[in-house]
């Protein structure tokens, strides 16, 4: 028994000495950095980086755990804004990402890991114009580990562990921006729109339920509102949640008489004012380019989008070929 205890003490001493030696040898500061070139303007790329609400479009960790709960605070895109996440303990854990300052097209961030372990890190995204309508993005993170915890670096390759996530995230960013940057702000028209009244049905739902909602609602409205609904169908979008994939939308027709009281039908009003319009040709799944261009256009004017209207000029009920569909996308400002 004494020899066994002596062995354990010797072993423990060797481990302690080993940790101390490794703590002296291994670096306390670790920096991981990756970069990529994206075929899109710098402004379009940085819009995805600087606003945390856009991160679900490309974040490798969001794709790893799409049920993660996000809570956003502050004015997105400005210093002090942040988001708190709570996800699967075995995948994404819990933590908080904060905007630590914006310098041109460089976002500095502070990262606080809460679970499964407590830790701090800081880093940045830097978007630079490389010419030929291309943008280079550098993603960097730095972590400081106190002695003797830094000894763990001898057994964990942090560059390999996190670097792979950074590579995937940058590839996702490249794919998303290049797929949605086809429309340009030059294709947007500003116009003064008179006040409009609509009749229809409003509902909050998952994106996956939208097609059925529209297919059920428009025929009902066409019969109920006839002949006042002898115009194009519209969709009024009050919210489009890219985190939880839900929307608050109304399927409506423009009306002149709002004094009617029809069961199951509500009235909606869009006040007169300046609007920003883009026209999309083709199926609804490829509208992202026009929406992206409109958001970029309004951001450049320091405007925040209000209700978004989609006017279905040519759609499913009049033309079976989706390549021939025409949608006017209308952004109001708050």
C-alpha atoms as a PDB file:
ATOM      1  CA  UNK A   1       0.000   0.000   0.000  1.00  0.00           C
ATOM      2  CA  UNK A   2       2.831   2.401   0.940  1.00  0.00           C
ATOM      3  CA  UNK A   3       4.603   1.702  -2.335  1.00  0.00           C
ATOM      4  CA  UNK A   4       1.376   2.400  -4.253  1.00  0.00           C
ATOM      5  CA  UNK A   5       0.863   5.715  -2.453  1.00  0.00           C
ATOM      6  CA  UNK A   6       4.509   6.570  -3.085  1.00  0.00           C
ATOM      7  CA  UNK A   7       3.947   5.836  -6.786  1.00  0.00           C
ATOM      8  CA  UNK A   8       0.864   8.080  -6.884  1.00  0.00           C
ATOM      9  CA  UNK A   9       2.773  10.922  -5.222  1.00  0.00           C
ATOM     10  CA  UNK A  10       5.635  10.572  -7.659  1.00  0.00           C
ATOM     11  CA  UNK A  11       3.200  10.467 -10.582  1.00  0.00           C
ATOM     12  CA  UNK A  12       1.377  13.528  -9.295  1.00  0.00           C
ATOM     13  CA  UNK A  13       4.690  15.326  -8.883  1.00  0.00           C
ATOM     14  CA  UNK A  14       5.684  14.477 -12.446  1.00  0.00           C
ATOM     15  CA  UNK A  15       2.339  15.773 -13.746  1.00  0.00           C
ATOM     16  CA  UNK A  16       2.637  19.007 -11.774  1.00  0.00           C
ATOM     17  CA  UNK A  17       6.201  19.562 -12.952  1.00  0.00           C
ATOM     18  CA  UNK A  18       5.139  18.746 -16.518  1.00  0.00           C
ATOM     19  CA  UNK A  19       2.327  21.296 -16.347  1.00  0.00           C
ATOM     20  CA  UNK A  20       4.685  23.933 -14.961  1.00  0.00           C
ATOM     21  CA  UNK A  21       7.251  23.251 -17.687  1.00  0.00           C
ATOM     22  CA  UNK A  22       4.625  23.361 -20.417  1.00  0.00           C
ATOM     23  CA  UNK A  23       3.167  26.529 -18.903  1.00  0.00           C
ATOM     24  CA  UNK A  24       6.574  28.171 -19.191  1.00  0.00           C
ATOM     25  CA  UNK A  25       7.184  26.909 -22.721  1.00  0.00           C
ATOM     26  CA  UNK A  26       3.736  27.281 -24.308  1.00  0.00           C
ATOM     27  CA  UNK A  27       2.562  30.761 -25.408  1.00  0.00           C
ATOM     28  CA  UNK A  28      -0.072  32.527 -23.340  1.00  0.00           C
ATOM     29  CA  UNK A  29      -1.465  34.422 -26.321  1.00  0.00           C
ATOM     30  CA  UNK A  30      -2.981  32.622 -29.285  1.00  0.00           C
ATOM     31  CA  UNK A  31      -4.131  34.294 -32.508  1.00  0.00           C
ATOM     32  CA  UNK A  32      -6.099  32.549 -35.250  1.00  0.00           C
ATOM     33  CA  UNK A  33      -6.647  34.211 -38.591  1.00  0.00           C
ATOM     34  CA  UNK A  34      -8.217  33.298 -41.916  1.00  0.00           C
ATOM     35  CA  UNK A  35      -9.028  35.260 -45.077  1.00  0.00           C
ATOM     36  CA  UNK A  36     -10.987  34.984 -48.316  1.00  0.00           C
ATOM     37  CA  UNK A  37     -11.661  37.019 -51.471  1.00  0.00           C
ATOM     38  CA  UNK A  38     -15.326  37.654 -52.318  1.00  0.00           C
ATOM     39  CA  UNK A  39     -16.561  38.742 -55.735  1.00  0.00           C
ATOM     40  CA  UNK A  40     -18.738  41.592 -54.499  1.00  0.00           C
ATOM     41  CA  UNK A  41     -18.418  45.265 -53.510  1.00  0.00           C
ATOM     42  CA  UNK A  42     -16.920  46.021 -50.105  1.00  0.00           C
ATOM     43  CA  UNK A  43     -20.132  47.693 -48.867  1.00  0.00           C
ATOM     44  CA  UNK A  44     -22.212  44.588 -49.643  1.00  0.00           C
ATOM     45  CA  UNK A  45     -19.742  42.344 -47.819  1.00  0.00           C
ATOM     46  CA  UNK A  46     -19.378  44.577 -44.774  1.00  0.00           C
ATOM     47  CA  UNK A  47     -23.160  44.845 -44.376  1.00  0.00           C
ATOM     48  CA  UNK A  48     -23.219  41.118 -43.629  1.00  0.00           C
ATOM     49  CA  UNK A  49     -20.339  41.382 -41.185  1.00  0.00           C
ATOM     50  CA  UNK A  50     -21.127  44.518 -39.186  1.00  0.00           C
ATOM     51  CA  UNK A  51     -24.763  43.654 -38.397  1.00  0.00           C
ATOM     52  CA  UNK A  52     -25.156  40.718 -36.050  1.00  0.00           C
ATOM     53  CA  UNK A  53     -28.691  40.043 -37.273  1.00  0.00           C
ATOM     54  CA  UNK A  54     -27.166  39.102 -40.652  1.00  0.00           C
ATOM     55  CA  UNK A  55     -24.808  36.517 -39.171  1.00  0.00           C
ATOM     56  CA  UNK A  56     -27.301  33.607 -39.385  1.00  0.00           C
ATOM     57  CA  UNK A  57     -26.927  33.922 -43.184  1.00  0.00           C
ATOM     58  CA  UNK A  58     -23.379  32.560 -42.964  1.00  0.00           C
ATOM     59  CA  UNK A  59     -22.301  31.790 -39.393  1.00  0.00           C
ATOM     60  CA  UNK A  60     -20.815  28.260 -39.139  1.00  0.00           C
ATOM     61  CA  UNK A  61     -22.065  27.940 -35.559  1.00  0.00           C
ATOM     62  CA  UNK A  62     -25.637  28.895 -36.425  1.00  0.00           C
ATOM     63  CA  UNK A  63     -25.677  26.222 -39.113  1.00  0.00           C
ATOM     64  CA  UNK A  64     -24.342  23.788 -36.509  1.00  0.00           C
ATOM     65  CA  UNK A  65     -27.242  24.571 -34.143  1.00  0.00           C
ATOM     66  CA  UNK A  66     -30.192  26.225 -35.912  1.00  0.00           C
ATOM     67  CA  UNK A  67     -32.290  26.037 -32.721  1.00  0.00           C
ATOM     68  CA  UNK A  68     -29.955  28.395 -30.871  1.00  0.00           C
ATOM     69  CA  UNK A  69     -31.793  31.237 -29.105  1.00  0.00           C
ATOM     70  CA  UNK A  70     -30.546  34.743 -29.967  1.00  0.00           C
ATOM     71  CA  UNK A  71     -31.215  37.937 -28.019  1.00  0.00           C
ATOM     72  CA  UNK A  72     -30.112  41.193 -29.651  1.00  0.00           C
ATOM     73  CA  UNK A  73     -29.381  44.441 -27.827  1.00  0.00           C
ATOM     74  CA  UNK A  74     -28.521  47.953 -28.961  1.00  0.00           C
ATOM     75  CA  UNK A  75     -28.542  49.418 -32.461  1.00  0.00           C
ATOM     76  CA  UNK A  76     -27.235  46.724 -34.754  1.00  0.00           C
ATOM     77  CA  UNK A  77     -24.056  47.734 -36.543  1.00  0.00           C
ATOM     78  CA  UNK A  78     -22.911  50.274 -33.940  1.00  0.00           C
ATOM     79  CA  UNK A  79     -20.465  50.096 -31.044  1.00  0.00           C
ATOM     80  CA  UNK A  80     -22.002  48.548 -27.923  1.00  0.00           C
ATOM     81  CA  UNK A  81     -24.569  46.434 -29.754  1.00  0.00           C
ATOM     82  CA  UNK A  82     -24.415  42.742 -28.969  1.00  0.00           C
ATOM     83  CA  UNK A  83     -26.168  39.427 -29.101  1.00  0.00           C
ATOM     84  CA  UNK A  84     -26.468  36.752 -26.436  1.00  0.00           C
ATOM     85  CA  UNK A  85     -26.866  33.153 -27.500  1.00  0.00           C
ATOM     86  CA  UNK A  86     -27.986  30.025 -25.704  1.00  0.00           C
ATOM     87  CA  UNK A  87     -27.632  26.819 -27.651  1.00  0.00           C
ATOM     88  CA  UNK A  88     -27.023  23.105 -27.386  1.00  0.00           C
ATOM     89  CA  UNK A  89     -24.540  22.620 -24.502  1.00  0.00           C
ATOM     90  CA  UNK A  90     -22.560  20.110 -26.569  1.00  0.00           C
ATOM     91  CA  UNK A  91     -22.414  22.262 -29.699  1.00  0.00           C
ATOM     92  CA  UNK A  92     -22.664  26.014 -29.252  1.00  0.00           C
ATOM     93  CA  UNK A  93     -23.093  26.504 -25.502  1.00  0.00           C
ATOM     94  CA  UNK A  94     -23.780  30.008 -24.219  1.00  0.00           C
ATOM     95  CA  UNK A  95     -22.031  33.313 -24.729  1.00  0.00           C
ATOM     96  CA  UNK A  96     -22.155  36.912 -25.881  1.00  0.00           C
ATOM     97  CA  UNK A  97     -20.673  38.701 -28.894  1.00  0.00           C
ATOM     98  CA  UNK A  98     -20.268  42.498 -28.715  1.00  0.00           C
ATOM     99  CA  UNK A  99     -19.437  45.224 -31.215  1.00  0.00           C
ATOM    100  CA  UNK A 100     -16.259  46.778 -29.777  1.00  0.00           C
ATOM    101  CA  UNK A 101     -16.009  49.521 -32.385  1.00  0.00           C
ATOM    102  CA  UNK A 102     -16.143  50.111 -36.125  1.00  0.00           C
ATOM    103  CA  UNK A 103     -13.242  51.656 -38.017  1.00  0.00           C
ATOM    104  CA  UNK A 104     -14.261  52.209 -41.626  1.00  0.00           C
ATOM    105  CA  UNK A 105     -14.966  48.673 -42.832  1.00  0.00           C
ATOM    106  CA  UNK A 106     -13.287  46.976 -39.893  1.00  0.00           C
ATOM    107  CA  UNK A 107     -15.428  45.500 -37.114  1.00  0.00           C
ATOM    108  CA  UNK A 108     -13.728  44.954 -33.778  1.00  0.00           C
ATOM    109  CA  UNK A 109     -15.514  42.501 -31.521  1.00  0.00           C
ATOM    110  CA  UNK A 110     -15.344  41.153 -27.979  1.00  0.00           C
ATOM    111  CA  UNK A 111     -16.384  37.590 -27.258  1.00  0.00           C
ATOM    112  CA  UNK A 112     -17.421  36.180 -23.883  1.00  0.00           C
ATOM    113  CA  UNK A 113     -17.844  32.432 -23.587  1.00  0.00           C
ATOM    114  CA  UNK A 114     -20.102  31.553 -20.659  1.00  0.00           C
ATOM    115  CA  UNK A 115     -20.793  27.826 -21.057  1.00  0.00           C
ATOM    116  CA  UNK A 116     -19.509  25.132 -21.154  1.00  0.00           C
ATOM    117  CA  UNK A 117     -16.494  27.118 -19.890  1.00  0.00           C
ATOM    118  CA  UNK A 118     -15.831  30.749 -19.055  1.00  0.00           C
ATOM    119  CA  UNK A 119     -13.452  32.653 -21.303  1.00  0.00           C
ATOM    120  CA  UNK A 120     -12.747  35.911 -23.097  1.00  0.00           C
ATOM    121  CA  UNK A 121     -11.485  36.682 -26.585  1.00  0.00           C
ATOM    122  CA  UNK A 122     -11.295  39.623 -28.939  1.00  0.00           C
ATOM    123  CA  UNK A 123     -10.855  39.934 -32.658  1.00  0.00           C
ATOM    124  CA  UNK A 124     -11.864  41.686 -35.814  1.00  0.00           C
ATOM    125  CA  UNK A 125     -13.245  41.404 -39.323  1.00  0.00           C
ATOM    126  CA  UNK A 126     -11.597  43.624 -41.906  1.00  0.00           C
ATOM    127  CA  UNK A 127     -13.019  44.133 -45.396  1.00  0.00           C
ATOM    128  CA  UNK A 128     -10.715  45.748 -47.954  1.00  0.00           C
ATOM    129  CA  UNK A 129     -11.238  46.565 -51.621  1.00  0.00           C
ATOM    130  CA  UNK A 130      -8.842  44.631 -53.859  1.00  0.00           C
ATOM    131  CA  UNK A 131     -10.122  46.063 -57.165  1.00  0.00           C
ATOM    132  CA  UNK A 132     -12.188  44.473 -59.941  1.00  0.00           C
ATOM    133  CA  UNK A 133     -15.274  44.519 -57.707  1.00  0.00           C
ATOM    134  CA  UNK A 134     -13.615  42.135 -55.244  1.00  0.00           C
ATOM    135  CA  UNK A 135     -13.300  42.326 -51.460  1.00  0.00           C
ATOM    136  CA  UNK A 136     -10.787  40.614 -49.201  1.00  0.00           C
ATOM    137  CA  UNK A 137     -12.106  39.673 -45.751  1.00  0.00           C
ATOM    138  CA  UNK A 138      -9.758  38.891 -42.870  1.00  0.00           C
ATOM    139  CA  UNK A 139     -11.245  37.209 -39.787  1.00  0.00           C
ATOM    140  CA  UNK A 140      -9.031  37.217 -36.693  1.00  0.00           C
ATOM    141  CA  UNK A 141      -9.412  36.223 -33.047  1.00  0.00           C
ATOM    142  CA  UNK A 142      -6.962  36.475 -30.132  1.00  0.00           C
ATOM    143  CA  UNK A 143      -7.146  34.748 -26.758  1.00  0.00           C
ATOM    144  CA  UNK A 144      -5.033  35.146 -23.639  1.00  0.00           C
ATOM    145  CA  UNK A 145      -4.608  32.134 -21.353  1.00  0.00           C
ATOM    146  CA  UNK A 146      -3.136  32.575 -17.888  1.00  0.00           C
ATOM    147  CA  UNK A 147      -0.386  30.381 -16.493  1.00  0.00           C
ATOM    148  CA  UNK A 148      -0.657  27.416 -16.079  1.00  0.00           C
ATOM    149  CA  UNK A 149      -3.821  26.984 -18.192  1.00  0.00           C
ATOM    150  CA  UNK A 150      -1.778  27.795 -21.279  1.00  0.00           C
ATOM    151  CA  UNK A 151      -0.100  24.383 -20.834  1.00  0.00           C
ATOM    152  CA  UNK A 152      -3.202  22.886 -22.489  1.00  0.00           C
ATOM    153  CA  UNK A 153      -2.031  24.383 -25.796  1.00  0.00           C
ATOM    154  CA  UNK A 154       0.443  21.511 -25.983  1.00  0.00           C
ATOM    155  CA  UNK A 155      -2.478  19.080 -26.313  1.00  0.00           C
ATOM    156  CA  UNK A 156      -5.036  21.206 -28.201  1.00  0.00           C
ATOM    157  CA  UNK A 157      -4.328  22.735 -31.588  1.00  0.00           C
ATOM    158  CA  UNK A 158      -6.488  25.852 -31.305  1.00  0.00           C
ATOM    159  CA  UNK A 159      -5.652  26.950 -34.835  1.00  0.00           C
ATOM    160  CA  UNK A 160      -6.941  23.666 -36.186  1.00  0.00           C
ATOM    161  CA  UNK A 161      -9.981  23.591 -33.881  1.00  0.00           C
ATOM    162  CA  UNK A 162     -11.243  27.113 -34.610  1.00  0.00           C
ATOM    163  CA  UNK A 163      -9.558  27.661 -37.955  1.00  0.00           C
ATOM    164  CA  UNK A 164     -11.823  25.108 -39.610  1.00  0.00           C
ATOM    165  CA  UNK A 165     -14.887  26.966 -38.345  1.00  0.00           C
ATOM    166  CA  UNK A 166     -13.459  30.247 -39.655  1.00  0.00           C
ATOM    167  CA  UNK A 167     -12.840  28.682 -43.079  1.00  0.00           C
ATOM    168  CA  UNK A 168     -16.406  27.362 -43.226  1.00  0.00           C
ATOM    169  CA  UNK A 169     -17.834  30.704 -42.104  1.00  0.00           C
ATOM    170  CA  UNK A 170     -15.902  32.654 -44.731  1.00  0.00           C
ATOM    171  CA  UNK A 171     -16.934  30.215 -47.443  1.00  0.00           C
ATOM    172  CA  UNK A 172     -20.564  30.596 -46.330  1.00  0.00           C
ATOM    173  CA  UNK A 173     -20.171  34.390 -46.381  1.00  0.00           C
ATOM    174  CA  UNK A 174     -18.702  34.285 -49.875  1.00  0.00           C
ATOM    175  CA  UNK A 175     -21.498  32.054 -51.166  1.00  0.00           C
ATOM    176  CA  UNK A 176     -24.252  34.145 -49.585  1.00  0.00           C
ATOM    177  CA  UNK A 177     -22.960  37.556 -50.692  1.00  0.00           C
ATOM    178  CA  UNK A 178     -22.096  36.457 -54.224  1.00  0.00           C
ATOM    179  CA  UNK A 179     -25.537  34.842 -54.591  1.00  0.00           C
ATOM    180  CA  UNK A 180     -27.374  37.951 -53.399  1.00  0.00           C
ATOM    181  CA  UNK A 181     -25.322  40.750 -54.909  1.00  0.00           C
ATOM    182  CA  UNK A 182     -26.590  40.412 -58.467  1.00  0.00           C
ATOM    183  CA  UNK A 183     -29.053  43.288 -58.256  1.00  0.00           C
ATOM    184  CA  UNK A 184     -27.520  46.751 -58.018  1.00  0.00           C
ATOM    185  CA  UNK A 185     -28.704  49.866 -56.285  1.00  0.00           C
ATOM    186  CA  UNK A 186     -28.839  51.461 -59.730  1.00  0.00           C
ATOM    187  CA  UNK A 187     -31.940  49.374 -60.472  1.00  0.00           C
ATOM    188  CA  UNK A 188     -33.887  51.018 -57.616  1.00  0.00           C
ATOM    189  CA  UNK A 189     -36.459  53.730 -58.201  1.00  0.00           C
ATOM    190  CA  UNK A 190     -37.519  56.353 -55.661  1.00  0.00           C
ATOM    191  CA  UNK A 191     -41.102  57.533 -55.929  1.00  0.00           C
ATOM    192  CA  UNK A 192     -43.854  59.222 -53.959  1.00  0.00           C
ATOM    193  CA  UNK A 193     -46.626  56.762 -53.219  1.00  0.00           C
ATOM    194  CA  UNK A 194     -50.135  57.859 -52.227  1.00  0.00           C
ATOM    195  CA  UNK A 195     -51.823  56.384 -49.181  1.00  0.00           C
ATOM    196  CA  UNK A 196     -53.120  52.870 -49.816  1.00  0.00           C
ATOM    197  CA  UNK A 197     -55.778  50.734 -48.152  1.00  0.00           C
ATOM    198  CA  UNK A 198     -55.836  46.954 -48.282  1.00  0.00           C
ATOM    199  CA  UNK A 199     -58.138  44.167 -47.180  1.00  0.00           C
ATOM    200  CA  UNK A 200     -56.918  40.723 -46.301  1.00  0.00           C
ATOM    201  CA  UNK A 201     -55.612  38.344 -43.655  1.00  0.00           C
ATOM    202  CA  UNK A 202     -52.523  38.841 -41.497  1.00  0.00           C
ATOM    203  CA  UNK A 203     -50.681  35.994 -39.813  1.00  0.00           C
ATOM    204  CA  UNK A 204     -47.339  35.187 -38.194  1.00  0.00           C
ATOM    205  CA  UNK A 205     -45.900  31.908 -39.465  1.00  0.00           C
ATOM    206  CA  UNK A 206     -42.858  29.876 -40.403  1.00  0.00           C
ATOM    207  CA  UNK A 207     -41.406  30.501 -43.840  1.00  0.00           C
ATOM    208  CA  UNK A 208     -42.290  26.927 -44.766  1.00  0.00           C
ATOM    209  CA  UNK A 209     -46.000  27.683 -44.271  1.00  0.00           C
ATOM    210  CA  UNK A 210     -46.130  30.761 -46.522  1.00  0.00           C
ATOM    211  CA  UNK A 211     -47.006  29.051 -49.809  1.00  0.00           C
ATOM    212  CA  UNK A 212     -50.030  27.302 -48.348  1.00  0.00           C
ATOM    213  CA  UNK A 213     -51.120  30.504 -46.600  1.00  0.00           C
ATOM    214  CA  UNK A 214     -51.104  32.490 -49.836  1.00  0.00           C
ATOM    215  CA  UNK A 215     -52.648  29.683 -51.889  1.00  0.00           C
ATOM    216  CA  UNK A 216     -55.535  29.399 -49.408  1.00  0.00           C
ATOM    217  CA  UNK A 217     -56.041  33.108 -48.729  1.00  0.00           C
ATOM    218  CA  UNK A 218     -55.985  34.801 -52.136  1.00  0.00           C
ATOM    219  CA  UNK A 219     -58.826  32.734 -53.691  1.00  0.00           C
ATOM    220  CA  UNK A 220     -60.937  33.377 -50.585  1.00  0.00           C
ATOM    221  CA  UNK A 221     -60.274  37.109 -50.792  1.00  0.00           C
ATOM    222  CA  UNK A 222     -60.990  37.165 -54.506  1.00  0.00           C
ATOM    223  CA  UNK A 223     -64.472  35.776 -53.869  1.00  0.00           C
ATOM    224  CA  UNK A 224     -65.189  37.741 -50.713  1.00  0.00           C
ATOM    225  CA  UNK A 225     -64.025  41.142 -51.989  1.00  0.00           C
ATOM    226  CA  UNK A 226     -65.241  40.871 -55.584  1.00  0.00           C
ATOM    227  CA  UNK A 227     -65.395  43.121 -57.537  1.00  0.00           C
ATOM    228  CA  UNK A 228     -63.279  45.501 -55.431  1.00  0.00           C
ATOM    229  CA  UNK A 229     -60.318  43.143 -55.618  1.00  0.00           C
ATOM    230  CA  UNK A 230     -60.005  43.430 -59.389  1.00  0.00           C
ATOM    231  CA  UNK A 231     -56.308  44.357 -59.029  1.00  0.00           C
ATOM    232  CA  UNK A 232     -52.982  42.672 -58.332  1.00  0.00           C
ATOM    233  CA  UNK A 233     -52.513  40.713 -55.141  1.00  0.00           C
ATOM    234  CA  UNK A 234     -50.061  42.106 -52.581  1.00  0.00           C
ATOM    235  CA  UNK A 235     -48.091  40.812 -49.649  1.00  0.00           C
ATOM    236  CA  UNK A 236     -47.430  43.150 -46.711  1.00  0.00           C
ATOM    237  CA  UNK A 237     -44.375  42.066 -44.721  1.00  0.00           C
ATOM    238  CA  UNK A 238     -44.135  43.497 -41.212  1.00  0.00           C
ATOM    239  CA  UNK A 239     -41.280  41.279 -40.079  1.00  0.00           C
ATOM    240  CA  UNK A 240     -38.822  38.853 -41.669  1.00  0.00           C
ATOM    241  CA  UNK A 241     -36.916  36.922 -39.010  1.00  0.00           C
ATOM    242  CA  UNK A 242     -33.754  35.337 -40.450  1.00  0.00           C
ATOM    243  CA  UNK A 243     -32.891  33.798 -37.093  1.00  0.00           C
ATOM    244  CA  UNK A 244     -36.062  31.804 -36.423  1.00  0.00           C
ATOM    245  CA  UNK A 245     -37.227  31.655 -40.082  1.00  0.00           C
ATOM    246  CA  UNK A 246     -40.591  33.237 -39.364  1.00  0.00           C
ATOM    247  CA  UNK A 247     -42.503  36.167 -40.837  1.00  0.00           C
ATOM    248  CA  UNK A 248     -45.410  38.443 -39.962  1.00  0.00           C
ATOM    249  CA  UNK A 249     -47.240  38.885 -43.267  1.00  0.00           C
ATOM    250  CA  UNK A 250     -50.621  39.898 -44.631  1.00  0.00           C
ATOM    251  CA  UNK A 251     -52.064  38.542 -47.884  1.00  0.00           C
ATOM    252  CA  UNK A 252     -54.141  41.423 -49.251  1.00  0.00           C
ATOM    253  CA  UNK A 253     -55.794  43.185 -52.160  1.00  0.00           C
ATOM    254  CA  UNK A 254     -55.998  46.978 -52.533  1.00  0.00           C
ATOM    255  CA  UNK A 255     -59.498  48.320 -51.817  1.00  0.00           C
ATOM    256  CA  UNK A 256     -61.297  51.636 -52.013  1.00  0.00           C
ATOM    257  CA  UNK A 257     -64.173  50.938 -49.641  1.00  0.00           C
ATOM    258  CA  UNK A 258     -62.932  50.202 -46.113  1.00  0.00           C
ATOM    259  CA  UNK A 259     -66.350  50.487 -44.556  1.00  0.00           C
ATOM    260  CA  UNK A 260     -67.341  46.919 -45.289  1.00  0.00           C
ATOM    261  CA  UNK A 261     -67.286  44.394 -42.471  1.00  0.00           C
ATOM    262  CA  UNK A 262     -66.474  40.953 -43.779  1.00  0.00           C
ATOM    263  CA  UNK A 263     -65.896  38.006 -41.463  1.00  0.00           C
ATOM    264  CA  UNK A 264     -62.268  36.949 -41.372  1.00  0.00           C
ATOM    265  CA  UNK A 265     -61.046  39.990 -43.302  1.00  0.00           C
ATOM    266  CA  UNK A 266     -59.099  42.915 -41.800  1.00  0.00           C
ATOM    267  CA  UNK A 267     -58.110  46.295 -43.218  1.00  0.00           C
ATOM    268  CA  UNK A 268     -54.566  47.606 -43.458  1.00  0.00           C
ATOM    269  CA  UNK A 269     -53.219  51.052 -44.295  1.00  0.00           C
ATOM    270  CA  UNK A 270     -49.923  52.260 -45.707  1.00  0.00           C
ATOM    271  CA  UNK A 271     -49.565  56.053 -45.410  1.00  0.00           C
ATOM    272  CA  UNK A 272     -48.443  58.297 -48.241  1.00  0.00           C
ATOM    273  CA  UNK A 273     -44.716  58.846 -48.521  1.00  0.00           C
ATOM    274  CA  UNK A 274     -41.540  58.152 -50.415  1.00  0.00           C
ATOM    275  CA  UNK A 275     -40.894  54.522 -51.270  1.00  0.00           C
ATOM    276  CA  UNK A 276     -38.052  52.602 -52.863  1.00  0.00           C
ATOM    277  CA  UNK A 277     -38.912  50.145 -55.606  1.00  0.00           C
ATOM    278  CA  UNK A 278     -37.153  47.293 -57.396  1.00  0.00           C
ATOM    279  CA  UNK A 279     -38.662  44.887 -59.946  1.00  0.00           C
ATOM    280  CA  UNK A 280     -37.949  41.171 -59.790  1.00  0.00           C
ATOM    281  CA  UNK A 281     -38.429  38.880 -62.773  1.00  0.00           C
ATOM    282  CA  UNK A 282     -38.738  35.177 -62.033  1.00  0.00           C
ATOM    283  CA  UNK A 283     -39.742  32.896 -59.173  1.00  0.00           C
ATOM    284  CA  UNK A 284     -40.057  34.107 -55.612  1.00  0.00           C
ATOM    285  CA  UNK A 285     -37.146  32.034 -54.307  1.00  0.00           C
ATOM    286  CA  UNK A 286     -34.662  34.237 -56.197  1.00  0.00           C
ATOM    287  CA  UNK A 287     -35.929  37.597 -54.889  1.00  0.00           C
ATOM    288  CA  UNK A 288     -33.027  37.897 -52.449  1.00  0.00           C
ATOM    289  CA  UNK A 289     -30.925  40.012 -54.842  1.00  0.00           C
ATOM    290  CA  UNK A 290     -33.521  42.759 -55.062  1.00  0.00           C
ATOM    291  CA  UNK A 291     -34.237  42.767 -51.332  1.00  0.00           C
ATOM    292  CA  UNK A 292     -30.529  42.908 -50.612  1.00  0.00           C
ATOM    293  CA  UNK A 293     -30.020  45.836 -53.005  1.00  0.00           C
ATOM    294  CA  UNK A 294     -32.941  47.721 -51.458  1.00  0.00           C
ATOM    295  CA  UNK A 295     -31.577  47.250 -47.937  1.00  0.00           C
ATOM    296  CA  UNK A 296     -28.150  48.445 -49.092  1.00  0.00           C
ATOM    297  CA  UNK A 297     -29.678  51.467 -50.826  1.00  0.00           C
ATOM    298  CA  UNK A 298     -31.647  52.511 -47.752  1.00  0.00           C
ATOM    299  CA  UNK A 299     -28.706  51.909 -45.422  1.00  0.00           C
ATOM    300  CA  UNK A 300     -26.622  54.293 -47.537  1.00  0.00           C
ATOM    301  CA  UNK A 301     -29.274  56.948 -46.903  1.00  0.00           C
ATOM    302  CA  UNK A 302     -29.398  56.154 -43.167  1.00  0.00           C
ATOM    303  CA  UNK A 303     -32.982  54.934 -43.525  1.00  0.00           C
ATOM    304  CA  UNK A 304     -34.573  51.994 -41.754  1.00  0.00           C
ATOM    305  CA  UNK A 305     -37.078  49.869 -43.710  1.00  0.00           C
ATOM    306  CA  UNK A 306     -40.693  49.929 -42.578  1.00  0.00           C
ATOM    307  CA  UNK A 307     -43.434  47.746 -44.030  1.00  0.00           C
ATOM    308  CA  UNK A 308     -42.296  45.928 -47.178  1.00  0.00           C
ATOM    309  CA  UNK A 309     -44.855  45.496 -49.941  1.00  0.00           C
ATOM    310  CA  UNK A 310     -44.688  42.943 -52.723  1.00  0.00           C
ATOM    311  CA  UNK A 311     -47.028  43.535 -55.653  1.00  0.00           C
ATOM    312  CA  UNK A 312     -47.518  40.348 -57.635  1.00  0.00           C
ATOM    313  CA  UNK A 313     -47.932  41.865 -61.096  1.00  0.00           C
ATOM    314  CA  UNK A 314     -47.634  38.517 -62.863  1.00  0.00           C
ATOM    315  CA  UNK A 315     -47.807  35.399 -60.726  1.00  0.00           C
ATOM    316  CA  UNK A 316     -49.001  31.860 -60.289  1.00  0.00           C
ATOM    317  CA  UNK A 317     -52.667  32.453 -61.055  1.00  0.00           C
ATOM    318  CA  UNK A 318     -52.106  34.102 -64.424  1.00  0.00           C
ATOM    319  CA  UNK A 319     -48.868  32.500 -65.627  1.00  0.00           C
ATOM    320  CA  UNK A 320     -47.743  28.893 -64.944  1.00  0.00           C
ATOM    321  CA  UNK A 321     -44.156  29.580 -66.029  1.00  0.00           C
ATOM    322  CA  UNK A 322     -42.371  31.069 -63.006  1.00  0.00           C
ATOM    323  CA  UNK A 323     -39.650  32.491 -65.262  1.00  0.00           C
ATOM    324  CA  UNK A 324     -42.258  34.969 -66.510  1.00  0.00           C
ATOM    325  CA  UNK A 325     -43.455  36.142 -63.100  1.00  0.00           C
ATOM    326  CA  UNK A 326     -43.022  39.824 -62.240  1.00  0.00           C
ATOM    327  CA  UNK A 327     -42.964  41.213 -58.683  1.00  0.00           C
ATOM    328  CA  UNK A 328     -42.669  44.864 -57.650  1.00  0.00           C
ATOM    329  CA  UNK A 329     -40.858  45.035 -54.335  1.00  0.00           C
ATOM    330  CA  UNK A 330     -41.644  48.251 -52.450  1.00  0.00           C
ATOM    331  CA  UNK A 331     -39.813  49.373 -49.322  1.00  0.00           C
ATOM    332  CA  UNK A 332     -41.277  52.046 -47.079  1.00  0.00           C
ATOM    333  CA  UNK A 333     -39.131  53.910 -44.533  1.00  0.00           C
ATOM    334  CA  UNK A 334     -39.786  54.146 -40.808  1.00  0.00           C
END
